[in-house]
Amino acid sequence: MFLEILMYAGIAAVVLLLLYLLTRRFPTLGDAFAFLCVLVGRPFVKIEWVLKEGGAYFYLMFEKSLQYPPNVDDTWKGVYVIARLILLLVCSIILTADVYNMLERLPPYMVQLY
């Protein structure tokens, strides 16, 4: 299996080398391949730009969500993270208790715990 992969990689390298030599010998062919590569690669570049913009936007949203009382910048940013984690812990405890109480209220024949 590994030898087969190496063989395909070698064949691809030889083909690319031949294409390189042909495009150096015939500049018009080189321009045609360059246009083809730009045409194929441009959507990936556009997708990268969009993802970078989206990432920057979501990072700003993340930073703003940590500053709950707005325009209060005199505290350490970790305080907001700790406050959110405590809120998450309290909410998960309440949700767990709610599920447990719902299971307690069901008749025994409807609850099959294994």
C-alpha atoms as a PDB file:
ATOM      1  CA  MET A   1       0.000   0.000   0.000  1.00  0.00           C
ATOM      2  CA  PHE A   2       2.775   2.452   0.959  1.00  0.00           C
ATOM      3  CA  LEU A   3       4.748   1.541  -2.162  1.00  0.00           C
ATOM      4  CA  GLU A   4       1.665   2.165  -4.296  1.00  0.00           C
ATOM      5  CA  ILE A   5       1.234   5.636  -2.805  1.00  0.00           C
ATOM      6  CA  LEU A   6       4.906   6.397  -3.435  1.00  0.00           C
ATOM      7  CA  MET A   7       4.531   5.234  -7.029  1.00  0.00           C
ATOM      8  CA  TYR A   8       1.534   7.553  -7.606  1.00  0.00           C
ATOM      9  CA  ALA A   9       3.418  10.443  -5.985  1.00  0.00           C
ATOM     10  CA  GLY A  10       6.394   9.779  -8.260  1.00  0.00           C
ATOM     11  CA  ILE A  11       4.207   9.701 -11.356  1.00  0.00           C
ATOM     12  CA  ALA A  12       2.538  12.958 -10.309  1.00  0.00           C
ATOM     13  CA  ALA A  13       5.956  14.553  -9.758  1.00  0.00           C
ATOM     14  CA  VAL A  14       7.153  13.480 -13.230  1.00  0.00           C
ATOM     15  CA  VAL A  15       3.963  14.800 -14.868  1.00  0.00           C
ATOM     16  CA  LEU A  16       4.313  18.127 -13.050  1.00  0.00           C
ATOM     17  CA  LEU A  17       7.964  18.363 -14.072  1.00  0.00           C
ATOM     18  CA  LEU A  18       7.053  17.742 -17.722  1.00  0.00           C
ATOM     19  CA  LEU A  19       4.309  20.376 -17.537  1.00  0.00           C
ATOM     20  CA  TYR A  20       6.784  22.826 -16.025  1.00  0.00           C
ATOM     21  CA  LEU A  21       9.315  22.198 -18.789  1.00  0.00           C
ATOM     22  CA  LEU A  22       6.630  22.544 -21.475  1.00  0.00           C
ATOM     23  CA  THR A  23       5.322  25.803 -20.042  1.00  0.00           C
ATOM     24  CA  ARG A  24       8.876  27.207 -19.835  1.00  0.00           C
ATOM     25  CA  ARG A  25       9.481  26.260 -23.473  1.00  0.00           C
ATOM     26  CA  PHE A  26       6.128  27.610 -24.750  1.00  0.00           C
ATOM     27  CA  PRO A  27       5.089  30.779 -22.844  1.00  0.00           C
ATOM     28  CA  THR A  28       1.587  30.788 -24.346  1.00  0.00           C
ATOM     29  CA  LEU A  29       0.968  27.351 -22.900  1.00  0.00           C
ATOM     30  CA  GLY A  30       2.317  28.652 -19.584  1.00  0.00           C
ATOM     31  CA  ASP A  31      -0.143  31.551 -19.654  1.00  0.00           C
ATOM     32  CA  ALA A  32      -2.971  29.140 -20.370  1.00  0.00           C
ATOM     33  CA  PHE A  33      -2.031  26.926 -17.412  1.00  0.00           C
ATOM     34  CA  ALA A  34      -1.628  30.007 -15.210  1.00  0.00           C
ATOM     35  CA  PHE A  35      -5.141  31.157 -16.144  1.00  0.00           C
ATOM     36  CA  LEU A  36      -6.500  27.698 -15.418  1.00  0.00           C
ATOM     37  CA  CYS A  37      -4.798  27.609 -12.013  1.00  0.00           C
ATOM     38  CA  VAL A  38      -6.109  31.075 -11.144  1.00  0.00           C
ATOM     39  CA  LEU A  39      -9.578  30.073 -12.269  1.00  0.00           C
ATOM     40  CA  VAL A  40      -9.523  26.953 -10.094  1.00  0.00           C
ATOM     41  CA  GLY A  41      -7.871  28.610  -7.094  1.00  0.00           C
ATOM     42  CA  ARG A  42      -9.883  31.838  -6.957  1.00  0.00           C
ATOM     43  CA  PRO A  43     -12.985  30.358  -5.256  1.00  0.00           C
ATOM     44  CA  PHE A  44     -10.781  29.002  -2.466  1.00  0.00           C
ATOM     45  CA  VAL A  45      -9.300  32.456  -1.942  1.00  0.00           C
ATOM     46  CA  LYS A  46     -12.770  34.026  -1.859  1.00  0.00           C
ATOM     47  CA  ILE A  47     -13.916  31.422   0.669  1.00  0.00           C
ATOM     48  CA  GLU A  48     -10.868  32.199   2.804  1.00  0.00           C
ATOM     49  CA  TRP A  49     -11.679  35.925   2.760  1.00  0.00           C
ATOM     50  CA  VAL A  50     -15.275  35.292   3.770  1.00  0.00           C
ATOM     51  CA  LEU A  51     -14.239  32.950   6.573  1.00  0.00           C
ATOM     52  CA  LYS A  52     -11.699  35.482   7.868  1.00  0.00           C
ATOM     53  CA  GLU A  53     -14.353  38.203   7.944  1.00  0.00           C
ATOM     54  CA  GLY A  54     -16.764  35.866   9.688  1.00  0.00           C
ATOM     55  CA  GLY A  55     -14.125  34.862  12.210  1.00  0.00           C
ATOM     56  CA  ALA A  56     -13.321  38.497  12.984  1.00  0.00           C
ATOM     57  CA  TYR A  57     -17.024  39.268  13.407  1.00  0.00           C
ATOM     58  CA  PHE A  58     -17.600  36.335  15.752  1.00  0.00           C
ATOM     59  CA  TYR A  59     -14.472  37.229  17.724  1.00  0.00           C
ATOM     60  CA  LEU A  60     -15.860  40.736  18.281  1.00  0.00           C
ATOM     61  CA  MET A  61     -19.181  39.219  19.348  1.00  0.00           C
ATOM     62  CA  PHE A  62     -17.320  36.946  21.768  1.00  0.00           C
ATOM     63  CA  GLU A  63     -15.431  39.874  23.284  1.00  0.00           C
ATOM     64  CA  LYS A  64     -18.577  41.959  23.623  1.00  0.00           C
ATOM     65  CA  SER A  65     -20.462  39.088  25.244  1.00  0.00           C
ATOM     66  CA  LEU A  66     -17.889  38.994  28.023  1.00  0.00           C
ATOM     67  CA  GLN A  67     -18.550  42.617  28.925  1.00  0.00           C
ATOM     68  CA  TYR A  68     -22.060  42.279  30.292  1.00  0.00           C
ATOM     69  CA  PRO A  69     -22.527  45.557  31.957  1.00  0.00           C
ATOM     70  CA  PRO A  70     -21.629  47.579  28.881  1.00  0.00           C
ATOM     71  CA  ASN A  71     -19.010  50.319  29.091  1.00  0.00           C
ATOM     72  CA  VAL A  72     -17.505  48.944  32.319  1.00  0.00           C
ATOM     73  CA  ASP A  73     -13.832  48.288  31.629  1.00  0.00           C
ATOM     74  CA  ASP A  74     -12.242  48.632  35.053  1.00  0.00           C
ATOM     75  CA  THR A  75     -12.240  44.916  35.919  1.00  0.00           C
ATOM     76  CA  TRP A  76     -10.211  41.941  34.796  1.00  0.00           C
ATOM     77  CA  LYS A  77     -11.757  40.131  31.777  1.00  0.00           C
ATOM     78  CA  GLY A  78     -11.532  36.778  33.575  1.00  0.00           C
ATOM     79  CA  VAL A  79     -14.210  37.921  36.007  1.00  0.00           C
ATOM     80  CA  TYR A  80     -16.742  37.861  33.169  1.00  0.00           C
ATOM     81  CA  VAL A  81     -15.648  34.358  32.171  1.00  0.00           C
ATOM     82  CA  ILE A  82     -15.955  33.106  35.755  1.00  0.00           C
ATOM     83  CA  ALA A  83     -19.404  34.705  36.044  1.00  0.00           C
ATOM     84  CA  ARG A  84     -20.560  32.955  32.856  1.00  0.00           C
ATOM     85  CA  LEU A  85     -19.190  29.622  34.069  1.00  0.00           C
ATOM     86  CA  ILE A  86     -21.042  29.970  37.372  1.00  0.00           C
ATOM     87  CA  LEU A  87     -24.231  30.812  35.468  1.00  0.00           C
ATOM     88  CA  LEU A  88     -23.701  27.708  33.297  1.00  0.00           C
ATOM     89  CA  LEU A  89     -23.208  25.560  36.396  1.00  0.00           C
ATOM     90  CA  VAL A  90     -26.366  26.872  38.080  1.00  0.00           C
ATOM     91  CA  CYS A  91     -28.430  26.410  34.906  1.00  0.00           C
ATOM     92  CA  SER A  92     -27.185  22.843  34.425  1.00  0.00           C
ATOM     93  CA  ILE A  93     -28.051  21.994  38.053  1.00  0.00           C
ATOM     94  CA  ILE A  94     -31.557  23.389  37.580  1.00  0.00           C
ATOM     95  CA  LEU A  95     -32.020  21.483  34.318  1.00  0.00           C
ATOM     96  CA  THR A  96     -30.812  18.233  35.897  1.00  0.00           C
ATOM     97  CA  ALA A  97     -33.186  18.684  38.825  1.00  0.00           C
ATOM     98  CA  ASP A  98     -36.056  19.370  36.448  1.00  0.00           C
ATOM     99  CA  VAL A  99     -35.401  16.127  34.551  1.00  0.00           C
ATOM    100  CA  TYR A 100     -35.116  14.199  37.811  1.00  0.00           C
ATOM    101  CA  ASN A 101     -38.431  15.636  39.102  1.00  0.00           C
ATOM    102  CA  MET A 102     -40.132  14.801  35.816  1.00  0.00           C
ATOM    103  CA  LEU A 103     -38.936  11.196  36.085  1.00  0.00           C
ATOM    104  CA  GLU A 104     -40.154  11.078  39.681  1.00  0.00           C
ATOM    105  CA  ARG A 105     -43.650  12.150  38.676  1.00  0.00           C
ATOM    106  CA  LEU A 106     -44.066   9.526  35.956  1.00  0.00           C
ATOM    107  CA  PRO A 107     -45.828   6.310  36.875  1.00  0.00           C
ATOM    108  CA  PRO A 108     -43.458   3.381  37.491  1.00  0.00           C
ATOM    109  CA  TYR A 109     -44.556   1.425  34.435  1.00  0.00           C
ATOM    110  CA  MET A 110     -43.564   4.336  32.146  1.00  0.00           C
ATOM    111  CA  VAL A 111     -40.034   4.641  33.531  1.00  0.00           C
ATOM    112  CA  GLN A 112     -37.743   1.811  32.518  1.00  0.00           C
ATOM    113  CA  LEU A 113     -34.281   2.471  33.860  1.00  0.00           C
ATOM    114  CA  TYR A 114     -31.696  -0.136  33.031  1.00  0.00           C
END
